Protein backbone atom coordinates (compact mmCIF):
# COMPACT_ATOMS: atom_id res chain seq x y z
CA MET A 1 -0.22 0.13 0.40
CA THR A 2 1.60 3.19 -1.24
CA LEU A 3 1.20 5.61 1.00
CA THR A 4 -0.47 9.45 -0.29
CA LEU A 5 -0.30 12.91 0.90
CA GLU A 6 -3.66 12.81 1.82
CA GLN A 7 -2.98 9.60 4.29
CA LEU A 8 -0.11 11.73 5.34
CA ARG A 9 -2.36 14.28 6.42
CA ALA A 10 -4.80 11.76 7.53
CA ASP A 11 -2.45 10.42 9.84
CA VAL A 12 -1.00 13.63 11.18
CA ALA A 13 -4.00 15.83 11.88
CA ASP A 14 -5.39 12.27 13.40
CA CYS A 15 -1.94 12.44 16.21
CA LEU A 16 -2.45 16.59 16.65
CA GLY A 17 -6.01 15.67 17.21
CA GLU A 18 -7.01 17.99 14.54
CA ALA A 19 -9.39 18.05 10.76
CA PRO A 20 -6.68 16.92 7.72
CA ASP A 21 -7.96 20.18 6.25
CA ASP A 22 -6.47 22.51 9.31
CA ILE A 23 -2.94 21.29 8.62
CA PRO A 24 -0.77 23.34 5.96
CA ALA A 25 1.33 21.78 3.59
CA ASP A 26 4.16 23.74 4.26
CA GLU A 27 3.37 24.57 8.73
CA ASN A 28 6.28 23.55 10.87
CA LEU A 29 4.60 20.58 12.44
CA ALA A 30 6.74 20.96 15.54
CA ASP A 31 3.96 24.82 16.17
CA LEU A 32 1.33 22.39 15.74
CA GLY A 33 2.40 20.45 19.08
CA LEU A 34 3.60 17.31 17.28
CA ASP A 35 6.98 16.46 19.10
CA SER A 36 9.40 13.78 19.01
CA VAL A 37 6.83 11.06 20.38
CA ARG A 38 4.32 11.39 18.26
CA ILE A 39 7.18 11.39 15.20
CA MET A 40 7.58 8.40 15.90
CA THR A 41 4.57 6.72 16.29
CA LEU A 42 3.87 8.28 13.50
CA LEU A 43 7.05 6.78 11.77
CA GLU A 44 6.91 3.01 12.75
CA GLY A 45 3.16 3.43 12.10
CA TRP A 46 4.67 3.88 8.35
CA ARG A 47 6.88 1.37 8.60
CA ARG A 48 4.64 -0.99 9.13
CA THR A 49 1.90 -0.39 7.03
CA HIS A 50 3.71 1.37 4.14
CA GLY A 51 7.17 0.43 4.37
CA VAL A 52 8.69 3.56 5.07
CA GLU A 53 12.22 3.11 5.22
CA THR A 54 13.24 6.40 6.43
CA SER A 55 14.34 7.53 9.55
CA PHE A 56 13.47 9.90 12.60
CA VAL A 57 16.29 12.23 12.25
CA ASP A 58 15.07 13.26 8.88
CA LEU A 59 11.51 13.98 9.69
CA ALA A 60 12.48 15.66 12.79
CA GLU A 61 14.82 18.28 11.20
CA ARG A 62 11.60 19.24 8.44
CA PRO A 63 8.76 18.79 10.17
CA ALA A 64 6.15 19.39 7.25
CA LEU A 65 3.99 17.67 5.18
CA ASP A 66 5.67 19.20 1.78
CA ALA A 67 9.08 18.50 3.13
CA TRP A 68 8.31 14.29 4.49
CA ALA A 69 6.04 14.12 1.40
CA ALA A 70 9.09 14.76 -1.50
CA LEU A 71 11.63 12.65 1.60
CA LEU A 72 8.74 9.51 1.19
CA GLY A 73 8.33 9.66 -2.10
CA VAL A 74 4.39 10.24 -1.43
CA ARG A 75 2.24 10.87 -4.59
CA PRO A 76 -0.44 13.28 -4.69
CA SER A 77 -3.85 11.98 -3.82
């Protein structure tokens, strides 16, 4: 199963208790409350479900949906 931008946004929104439409693609997710524990939780889920092979550090260095989409090779929804 390939990870899409729509799924990426939905997973982050769920983790933050927000609506997906409230998560801008270029917003720093740390400013929205995404911390290291939540990043690890998301990453582990994506590894299991989607075969993601990136590191926590890569995600933590650029915490925005558009940066993660590029890093993860996410296809448009």
